[in-house]
Amino acid sequence: MRTRQRPAPPPSSGKSAPREGGDGFFPALAQHQTLEESAYQDLRRAIVEGRFAPGERIVAATVAAAAGISRIPVMQALRRLEADGFVRITPHKDVVVLGWARGEIRERFLLMAALEVLCLREPEGKITPEIHARLRALQKEMVTARAQKDMARAAVAAGSITCCGRRRACPRCSASCENLWDRGEYYRLLMHARRGGFAGESLNEHEMILKALDSGRLDCAAKAVEYHRLAAMERLEQTS
């Protein structure tokens, strides 16, 4: 396999340096993916985790220099992120991380609720005992993280629980849901911070969903998912 040679860092020009080095900022580059895919995954993760906040500019040349790659795969990755709704690229190639307007929060949560209800009404026989066990483990992880006031860890577990059986039941709907979910991660973390911790209501709503799944009542589980999404939407609107 060809080993990519990274150029030596350029001499200081007096401008601010990238916030992180290539290896720390671009872990996917070490996984033998294409440069475009690596840049896409790492930039998306940086946006989701809030390292690039809504309204912040992303300078493709700076990102490319930090990763030790050319600007072309970075721009290709940014165009994919634009198609996913994470950034906006102007005709002059100015790239800005998109935020959520209040009306957009409502629209996206309604869309996510509709897609997840569809996923839950389709998976007859696809939610296996292994998936049930995984869902229960993730719920336990959220409870533990909340008790330790670790909002980021609780949010990661919440994201995993929302797609744990959905990917197998409706993979295309699941991909759309994951984009919607990831776009809101920054705002959910802010919401939990302002509320003083991961929402206890969310855990109770997850428990309702799991109990319905445990008993095989998919229609009840779908209604519980819809209720959870709409309640989460209201919590986010109240604290955004």
C-alpha atoms as a PDB file:
ATOM      1  CA  MET A   1       0.000   0.000   0.000  1.00  0.00           C
ATOM      2  CA  ARG A   2       1.363   3.417  -0.900  1.00  0.00           C
ATOM      3  CA  THR A   3       2.335   5.521   2.081  1.00  0.00           C
ATOM      4  CA  ARG A   4       1.289   9.143   1.879  1.00  0.00           C
ATOM      5  CA  GLN A   5       4.148  11.542   2.602  1.00  0.00           C
ATOM      6  CA  ARG A   6       3.078  14.631   4.519  1.00  0.00           C
ATOM      7  CA  PRO A   7       4.869  17.880   3.817  1.00  0.00           C
ATOM      8  CA  ALA A   8       6.823  19.662   6.525  1.00  0.00           C
ATOM      9  CA  PRO A   9       4.873  22.507   8.166  1.00  0.00           C
ATOM     10  CA  PRO A  10       5.429  25.883   6.498  1.00  0.00           C
ATOM     11  CA  PRO A  11       7.286  28.617   8.383  1.00  0.00           C
ATOM     12  CA  SER A  12       5.184  30.862  10.580  1.00  0.00           C
ATOM     13  CA  SER A  13       3.514  33.747   8.772  1.00  0.00           C
ATOM     14  CA  GLY A  14       2.231  35.477  11.891  1.00  0.00           C
ATOM     15  CA  LYS A  15      -1.313  34.212  11.292  1.00  0.00           C
ATOM     16  CA  SER A  16      -3.066  32.041  13.831  1.00  0.00           C
ATOM     17  CA  ALA A  17      -2.248  28.361  13.495  1.00  0.00           C
ATOM     18  CA  PRO A  18      -4.928  25.689  13.016  1.00  0.00           C
ATOM     19  CA  ARG A  19      -6.427  24.715  16.344  1.00  0.00           C
ATOM     20  CA  GLU A  20      -5.278  21.117  16.125  1.00  0.00           C
ATOM     21  CA  GLY A  21      -2.632  19.186  14.237  1.00  0.00           C
ATOM     22  CA  GLY A  22      -3.422  16.921  11.317  1.00  0.00           C
ATOM     23  CA  ASP A  23      -3.340  13.652  13.263  1.00  0.00           C
ATOM     24  CA  GLY A  24      -5.571  14.967  16.069  1.00  0.00           C
ATOM     25  CA  PHE A  25      -8.006  16.763  13.824  1.00  0.00           C
ATOM     26  CA  PHE A  26      -8.190  14.082  11.124  1.00  0.00           C
ATOM     27  CA  PRO A  27      -8.136  10.625  12.748  1.00  0.00           C
ATOM     28  CA  ALA A  28      -9.902   9.029   9.752  1.00  0.00           C
ATOM     29  CA  LEU A  29      -6.875   9.757   7.559  1.00  0.00           C
ATOM     30  CA  ALA A  30      -5.094   6.885   9.296  1.00  0.00           C
ATOM     31  CA  GLN A  31      -7.829   4.391   8.334  1.00  0.00           C
ATOM     32  CA  HIS A  32      -6.882   4.042   4.636  1.00  0.00           C
ATOM     33  CA  GLN A  33     -10.039   5.709   3.330  1.00  0.00           C
ATOM     34  CA  THR A  34     -10.004   7.997   0.314  1.00  0.00           C
ATOM     35  CA  LEU A  35      -8.838  11.497   1.161  1.00  0.00           C
ATOM     36  CA  GLU A  36     -12.293  12.886   0.350  1.00  0.00           C
ATOM     37  CA  GLU A  37     -14.061  10.363   2.596  1.00  0.00           C
ATOM     38  CA  SER A  38     -11.578  10.942   5.416  1.00  0.00           C
ATOM     39  CA  ALA A  39     -11.973  14.713   5.190  1.00  0.00           C
ATOM     40  CA  TYR A  40     -15.764  14.355   5.061  1.00  0.00           C
ATOM     41  CA  GLN A  41     -15.932  12.133   8.148  1.00  0.00           C
ATOM     42  CA  ASP A  42     -13.540  14.269  10.186  1.00  0.00           C
ATOM     43  CA  LEU A  43     -15.083  17.616   9.252  1.00  0.00           C
ATOM     44  CA  ARG A  44     -18.560  16.281   9.965  1.00  0.00           C
ATOM     45  CA  ARG A  45     -17.415  15.033  13.365  1.00  0.00           C
ATOM     46  CA  ALA A  46     -15.814  18.399  14.143  1.00  0.00           C
ATOM     47  CA  ILE A  47     -19.109  20.175  13.349  1.00  0.00           C
ATOM     48  CA  VAL A  48     -21.227  17.691  15.314  1.00  0.00           C
ATOM     49  CA  GLU A  49     -18.945  17.990  18.352  1.00  0.00           C
ATOM     50  CA  GLY A  50     -19.050  21.793  18.209  1.00  0.00           C
ATOM     51  CA  ARG A  51     -15.385  22.346  17.309  1.00  0.00           C
ATOM     52  CA  PHE A  52     -16.779  24.313  14.389  1.00  0.00           C
ATOM     53  CA  ALA A  53     -19.727  26.237  15.823  1.00  0.00           C
ATOM     54  CA  PRO A  54     -22.745  27.507  13.846  1.00  0.00           C
ATOM     55  CA  GLY A  55     -21.799  30.662  11.968  1.00  0.00           C
ATOM     56  CA  GLU A  56     -18.081  29.879  12.009  1.00  0.00           C
ATOM     57  CA  ARG A  57     -16.091  29.933   8.758  1.00  0.00           C
ATOM     58  CA  ILE A  58     -14.185  26.872   7.590  1.00  0.00           C
ATOM     59  CA  VAL A  59     -11.122  27.781   5.535  1.00  0.00           C
ATOM     60  CA  ALA A  60     -10.420  24.873   3.197  1.00  0.00           C
ATOM     61  CA  ALA A  61      -6.755  25.794   2.712  1.00  0.00           C
ATOM     62  CA  THR A  62      -6.158  25.888   6.490  1.00  0.00           C
ATOM     63  CA  VAL A  63      -7.886  22.538   6.992  1.00  0.00           C
ATOM     64  CA  ALA A  64      -5.886  20.995   4.126  1.00  0.00           C
ATOM     65  CA  ALA A  65      -2.612  22.284   5.558  1.00  0.00           C
ATOM     66  CA  ALA A  66      -3.470  20.915   9.014  1.00  0.00           C
ATOM     67  CA  ALA A  67      -4.163  17.481   7.517  1.00  0.00           C
ATOM     68  CA  GLY A  68      -1.182  17.499   5.157  1.00  0.00           C
ATOM     69  CA  ILE A  69      -3.335  17.015   2.048  1.00  0.00           C
ATOM     70  CA  SER A  70      -4.328  19.136  -0.935  1.00  0.00           C
ATOM     71  CA  ARG A  71      -7.284  21.506  -0.931  1.00  0.00           C
ATOM     72  CA  ILE A  72      -9.218  19.493  -3.551  1.00  0.00           C
ATOM     73  CA  PRO A  73     -10.447  16.591  -1.340  1.00  0.00           C
ATOM     74  CA  VAL A  74     -11.297  19.079   1.403  1.00  0.00           C
ATOM     75  CA  MET A  75     -13.517  21.074  -0.977  1.00  0.00           C
ATOM     76  CA  GLN A  76     -15.117  17.843  -2.232  1.00  0.00           C
ATOM     77  CA  ALA A  77     -15.875  16.910   1.371  1.00  0.00           C
ATOM     78  CA  LEU A  78     -17.315  20.365   2.064  1.00  0.00           C
ATOM     79  CA  ARG A  79     -19.619  20.067  -0.954  1.00  0.00           C
ATOM     80  CA  ARG A  80     -20.945  16.801   0.463  1.00  0.00           C
ATOM     81  CA  LEU A  81     -21.471  18.501   3.811  1.00  0.00           C
ATOM     82  CA  GLU A  82     -23.365  21.265   2.032  1.00  0.00           C
ATOM     83  CA  ALA A  83     -25.638  18.665   0.429  1.00  0.00           C
ATOM     84  CA  ASP A  84     -26.220  17.173   3.909  1.00  0.00           C
ATOM     85  CA  GLY A  85     -27.175  20.603   5.277  1.00  0.00           C
ATOM     86  CA  PHE A  86     -24.163  21.144   7.551  1.00  0.00           C
ATOM     87  CA  VAL A  87     -22.512  24.075   5.747  1.00  0.00           C
ATOM     88  CA  ARG A  88     -23.218  26.761   3.156  1.00  0.00           C
ATOM     89  CA  ILE A  89     -20.741  27.482   0.336  1.00  0.00           C
ATOM     90  CA  THR A  90     -20.988  30.849  -1.410  1.00  0.00           C
ATOM     91  CA  PRO A  91     -19.963  31.396  -5.059  1.00  0.00           C
ATOM     92  CA  HIS A  92     -16.613  32.724  -3.793  1.00  0.00           C
ATOM     93  CA  LYS A  93     -16.023  29.470  -1.855  1.00  0.00           C
ATOM     94  CA  ASP A  94     -16.638  31.001   1.564  1.00  0.00           C
ATOM     95  CA  VAL A  95     -17.769  28.085   3.777  1.00  0.00           C
ATOM     96  CA  VAL A  96     -19.916  28.747   6.860  1.00  0.00           C
ATOM     97  CA  VAL A  97     -21.311  26.210   9.341  1.00  0.00           C
ATOM     98  CA  LEU A  98     -25.097  26.399   9.331  1.00  0.00           C
ATOM     99  CA  GLY A  99     -27.169  26.866  12.458  1.00  0.00           C
ATOM    100  CA  TRP A 100     -30.830  26.138  13.119  1.00  0.00           C
ATOM    101  CA  ALA A 101     -33.459  28.829  13.034  1.00  0.00           C
ATOM    102  CA  ARG A 102     -36.340  28.352  15.469  1.00  0.00           C
ATOM    103  CA  GLY A 103     -38.742  27.342  12.686  1.00  0.00           C
ATOM    104  CA  GLU A 104     -36.194  24.906  11.298  1.00  0.00           C
ATOM    105  CA  ILE A 105     -35.844  23.135  14.647  1.00  0.00           C
ATOM    106  CA  ARG A 106     -39.552  22.360  14.555  1.00  0.00           C
ATOM    107  CA  GLU A 107     -39.522  21.278  10.914  1.00  0.00           C
ATOM    108  CA  ARG A 108     -36.577  18.931  11.356  1.00  0.00           C
ATOM    109  CA  PHE A 109     -37.945  17.301  14.506  1.00  0.00           C
ATOM    110  CA  LEU A 110     -41.310  16.730  12.826  1.00  0.00           C
ATOM    111  CA  LEU A 111     -39.531  15.150   9.870  1.00  0.00           C
ATOM    112  CA  MET A 112     -37.404  12.972  12.137  1.00  0.00           C
ATOM    113  CA  ALA A 113     -40.490  11.844  14.069  1.00  0.00           C
ATOM    114  CA  ALA A 114     -42.265  10.866  10.844  1.00  0.00           C
ATOM    115  CA  LEU A 115     -39.269   8.911   9.545  1.00  0.00           C
ATOM    116  CA  GLU A 116     -38.687   7.082  12.827  1.00  0.00           C
ATOM    117  CA  VAL A 117     -42.357   6.131  13.108  1.00  0.00           C
ATOM    118  CA  LEU A 118     -42.120   4.701   9.581  1.00  0.00           C
ATOM    119  CA  CYS A 119     -39.016   2.722  10.571  1.00  0.00           C
ATOM    120  CA  LEU A 120     -40.735   1.242  13.636  1.00  0.00           C
ATOM    121  CA  ARG A 121     -43.830   0.171  11.727  1.00  0.00           C
ATOM    122  CA  GLU A 122     -41.784  -1.761   9.185  1.00  0.00           C
ATOM    123  CA  PRO A 123     -39.367  -3.999  11.100  1.00  0.00           C
ATOM    124  CA  GLU A 124     -41.538  -7.088  11.780  1.00  0.00           C
ATOM    125  CA  GLY A 125     -39.098  -9.789  12.868  1.00  0.00           C
ATOM    126  CA  LYS A 126     -36.062  -7.520  12.444  1.00  0.00           C
ATOM    127  CA  ILE A 127     -35.670  -6.352  16.034  1.00  0.00           C
ATOM    128  CA  THR A 128     -33.782  -9.361  17.344  1.00  0.00           C
ATOM    129  CA  PRO A 129     -32.990 -10.295  20.966  1.00  0.00           C
ATOM    130  CA  GLU A 130     -29.472  -8.972  20.319  1.00  0.00           C
ATOM    131  CA  ILE A 131     -30.875  -5.579  19.330  1.00  0.00           C
ATOM    132  CA  HIS A 132     -33.119  -5.566  22.400  1.00  0.00           C
ATOM    133  CA  ALA A 133     -30.091  -6.257  24.589  1.00  0.00           C
ATOM    134  CA  ARG A 134     -28.125  -3.481  22.884  1.00  0.00           C
ATOM    135  CA  LEU A 135     -30.974  -1.001  23.406  1.00  0.00           C
ATOM    136  CA  ARG A 136     -31.172  -1.878  27.100  1.00  0.00           C
ATOM    137  CA  ALA A 137     -27.399  -1.497  27.472  1.00  0.00           C
ATOM    138  CA  LEU A 138     -27.519   1.946  25.859  1.00  0.00           C
ATOM    139  CA  GLN A 139     -30.354   3.016  28.160  1.00  0.00           C
ATOM    140  CA  LYS A 140     -28.247   1.921  31.138  1.00  0.00           C
ATOM    141  CA  GLU A 141     -25.296   3.873  29.723  1.00  0.00           C
ATOM    142  CA  MET A 142     -27.439   7.025  29.525  1.00  0.00           C
ATOM    143  CA  VAL A 143     -28.622   6.612  33.117  1.00  0.00           C
ATOM    144  CA  THR A 144     -25.037   6.192  34.326  1.00  0.00           C
ATOM    145  CA  ALA A 145     -23.755   9.154  32.280  1.00  0.00           C
ATOM    146  CA  ARG A 146     -26.558  11.386  33.566  1.00  0.00           C
ATOM    147  CA  ALA A 147     -25.781  10.405  37.172  1.00  0.00           C
ATOM    148  CA  GLN A 148     -22.163  11.400  36.537  1.00  0.00           C
ATOM    149  CA  LYS A 149     -23.276  14.661  34.862  1.00  0.00           C
ATOM    150  CA  ASP A 150     -21.463  13.639  31.668  1.00  0.00           C
ATOM    151  CA  MET A 151     -23.717  15.265  29.078  1.00  0.00           C
ATOM    152  CA  ALA A 152     -21.558  14.435  26.074  1.00  0.00           C
ATOM    153  CA  ARG A 153     -21.440  10.738  26.983  1.00  0.00           C
ATOM    154  CA  ALA A 154     -25.194  10.644  27.579  1.00  0.00           C
ATOM    155  CA  ALA A 155     -25.833  12.350  24.229  1.00  0.00           C
ATOM    156  CA  VAL A 156     -23.642   9.814  22.410  1.00  0.00           C
ATOM    157  CA  ALA A 157     -25.605   6.948  23.977  1.00  0.00           C
ATOM    158  CA  ALA A 158     -28.876   8.678  23.073  1.00  0.00           C
ATOM    159  CA  GLY A 159     -27.743   8.976  19.461  1.00  0.00           C
ATOM    160  CA  SER A 160     -26.830   5.299  19.375  1.00  0.00           C
ATOM    161  CA  ILE A 161     -30.150   4.181  20.847  1.00  0.00           C
ATOM    162  CA  THR A 162     -32.123   6.100  18.235  1.00  0.00           C
ATOM    163  CA  CYS A 163     -30.519   4.248  15.327  1.00  0.00           C
ATOM    164  CA  CYS A 164     -29.769   0.868  16.909  1.00  0.00           C
ATOM    165  CA  GLY A 165     -32.585  -1.123  15.245  1.00  0.00           C
ATOM    166  CA  ARG A 166     -33.572   1.474  12.696  1.00  0.00           C
ATOM    167  CA  ARG A 167     -30.551   0.878  10.464  1.00  0.00           C
ATOM    168  CA  ARG A 168     -31.527  -2.731   9.919  1.00  0.00           C
ATOM    169  CA  ALA A 169     -35.241  -2.084   9.506  1.00  0.00           C
ATOM    170  CA  CYS A 170     -35.085   0.924   7.141  1.00  0.00           C
ATOM    171  CA  PRO A 171     -31.498   1.738   6.138  1.00  0.00           C
ATOM    172  CA  ARG A 172     -32.405   4.587   3.764  1.00  0.00           C
ATOM    173  CA  CYS A 173     -34.733   6.285   6.238  1.00  0.00           C
ATOM    174  CA  SER A 174     -32.117   5.715   8.905  1.00  0.00           C
ATOM    175  CA  ALA A 175     -29.470   7.583   6.895  1.00  0.00           C
ATOM    176  CA  SER A 176     -31.796  10.590   6.585  1.00  0.00           C
ATOM    177  CA  CYS A 177     -32.583  10.459  10.307  1.00  0.00           C
ATOM    178  CA  GLU A 178     -28.904  10.339  11.207  1.00  0.00           C
ATOM    179  CA  ASN A 179     -28.227  13.484   9.183  1.00  0.00           C
ATOM    180  CA  LEU A 180     -31.073  15.252  10.976  1.00  0.00           C
ATOM    181  CA  TRP A 181     -29.865  13.987  14.352  1.00  0.00           C
ATOM    182  CA  ASP A 182     -26.234  14.977  13.786  1.00  0.00           C
ATOM    183  CA  ARG A 183     -27.205  18.448  12.585  1.00  0.00           C
ATOM    184  CA  GLY A 184     -28.814  19.083  15.958  1.00  0.00           C
ATOM    185  CA  GLU A 185     -26.076  17.688  18.230  1.00  0.00           C
ATOM    186  CA  TYR A 186     -24.558  21.102  18.991  1.00  0.00           C
ATOM    187  CA  TYR A 187     -27.950  22.466  20.047  1.00  0.00           C
ATOM    188  CA  ARG A 188     -28.876  19.425  22.114  1.00  0.00           C
ATOM    189  CA  LEU A 189     -25.653  19.711  24.104  1.00  0.00           C
ATOM    190  CA  LEU A 190     -26.394  23.396  24.705  1.00  0.00           C
ATOM    191  CA  MET A 191     -29.911  22.512  25.809  1.00  0.00           C
ATOM    192  CA  HIS A 192     -28.665  19.893  28.293  1.00  0.00           C
ATOM    193  CA  ALA A 193     -26.069  22.331  29.651  1.00  0.00           C
ATOM    194  CA  ARG A 194     -28.697  25.012  30.236  1.00  0.00           C
ATOM    195  CA  ARG A 195     -31.014  22.505  31.896  1.00  0.00           C
ATOM    196  CA  GLY A 196     -28.246  21.398  34.232  1.00  0.00           C
ATOM    197  CA  GLY A 197     -27.799  17.905  32.792  1.00  0.00           C
ATOM    198  CA  PHE A 198     -29.131  15.326  30.368  1.00  0.00           C
ATOM    199  CA  ALA A 199     -32.919  15.559  30.348  1.00  0.00           C
ATOM    200  CA  GLY A 200     -34.520  13.131  32.793  1.00  0.00           C
ATOM    201  CA  GLU A 201     -37.668  13.306  30.668  1.00  0.00           C
ATOM    202  CA  SER A 202     -35.715  11.786  27.783  1.00  0.00           C
ATOM    203  CA  LEU A 203     -34.815   8.747  29.864  1.00  0.00           C
ATOM    204  CA  ASN A 204     -38.451   8.238  30.867  1.00  0.00           C
ATOM    205  CA  GLU A 205     -39.563   8.559  27.249  1.00  0.00           C
ATOM    206  CA  HIS A 206     -36.899   6.068  26.126  1.00  0.00           C
ATOM    207  CA  GLU A 207     -38.160   3.651  28.783  1.00  0.00           C
ATOM    208  CA  MET A 208     -41.690   3.888  27.361  1.00  0.00           C
ATOM    209  CA  ILE A 209     -40.337   3.015  23.916  1.00  0.00           C
ATOM    210  CA  LEU A 210     -38.282   0.088  25.214  1.00  0.00           C
ATOM    211  CA  LYS A 211     -41.163  -1.379  27.199  1.00  0.00           C
ATOM    212  CA  ALA A 212     -43.354  -1.304  24.098  1.00  0.00           C
ATOM    213  CA  LEU A 213     -40.613  -3.028  22.096  1.00  0.00           C
ATOM    214  CA  ASP A 214     -40.066  -5.586  24.879  1.00  0.00           C
ATOM    215  CA  SER A 215     -43.709  -6.611  24.592  1.00  0.00           C
ATOM    216  CA  GLY A 216     -43.660  -6.637  20.775  1.00  0.00           C
ATOM    217  CA  ARG A 217     -46.143  -3.761  20.457  1.00  0.00           C
ATOM    218  CA  LEU A 218     -44.581  -1.950  17.529  1.00  0.00           C
ATOM    219  CA  ASP A 219     -47.526   0.401  17.079  1.00  0.00           C
ATOM    220  CA  CYS A 220     -47.258   1.511  20.709  1.00  0.00           C
ATOM    221  CA  ALA A 221     -43.504   1.900  20.279  1.00  0.00           C
ATOM    222  CA  ALA A 222     -44.089   4.092  17.216  1.00  0.00           C
ATOM    223  CA  LYS A 223     -46.483   6.314  19.178  1.00  0.00           C
ATOM    224  CA  ALA A 224     -43.966   6.545  22.026  1.00  0.00           C
ATOM    225  CA  VAL A 225     -41.218   7.552  19.573  1.00  0.00           C
ATOM    226  CA  GLU A 226     -43.438  10.246  18.076  1.00  0.00           C
ATOM    227  CA  TYR A 227     -44.258  11.581  21.559  1.00  0.00           C
ATOM    228  CA  HIS A 228     -40.565  11.578  22.496  1.00  0.00           C
ATOM    229  CA  ARG A 229     -39.525  13.520  19.400  1.00  0.00           C
ATOM    230  CA  LEU A 230     -42.246  16.156  19.808  1.00  0.00           C
ATOM    231  CA  ALA A 231     -41.480  16.558  23.517  1.00  0.00           C
ATOM    232  CA  ALA A 232     -37.751  16.868  22.762  1.00  0.00           C
ATOM    233  CA  MET A 233     -38.566  19.465  20.118  1.00  0.00           C
ATOM    234  CA  GLU A 234     -40.445  21.552  22.675  1.00  0.00           C
ATOM    235  CA  ARG A 235     -37.612  21.266  25.198  1.00  0.00           C
ATOM    236  CA  LEU A 236     -35.098  22.397  22.610  1.00  0.00           C
ATOM    237  CA  GLU A 237     -37.289  25.324  21.484  1.00  0.00           C
ATOM    238  CA  GLN A 238     -37.709  26.470  25.079  1.00  0.00           C
ATOM    239  CA  THR A 239     -33.962  26.522  25.775  1.00  0.00           C
ATOM    240  CA  SER A 240     -32.492  27.547  22.377  1.00  0.00           C
END
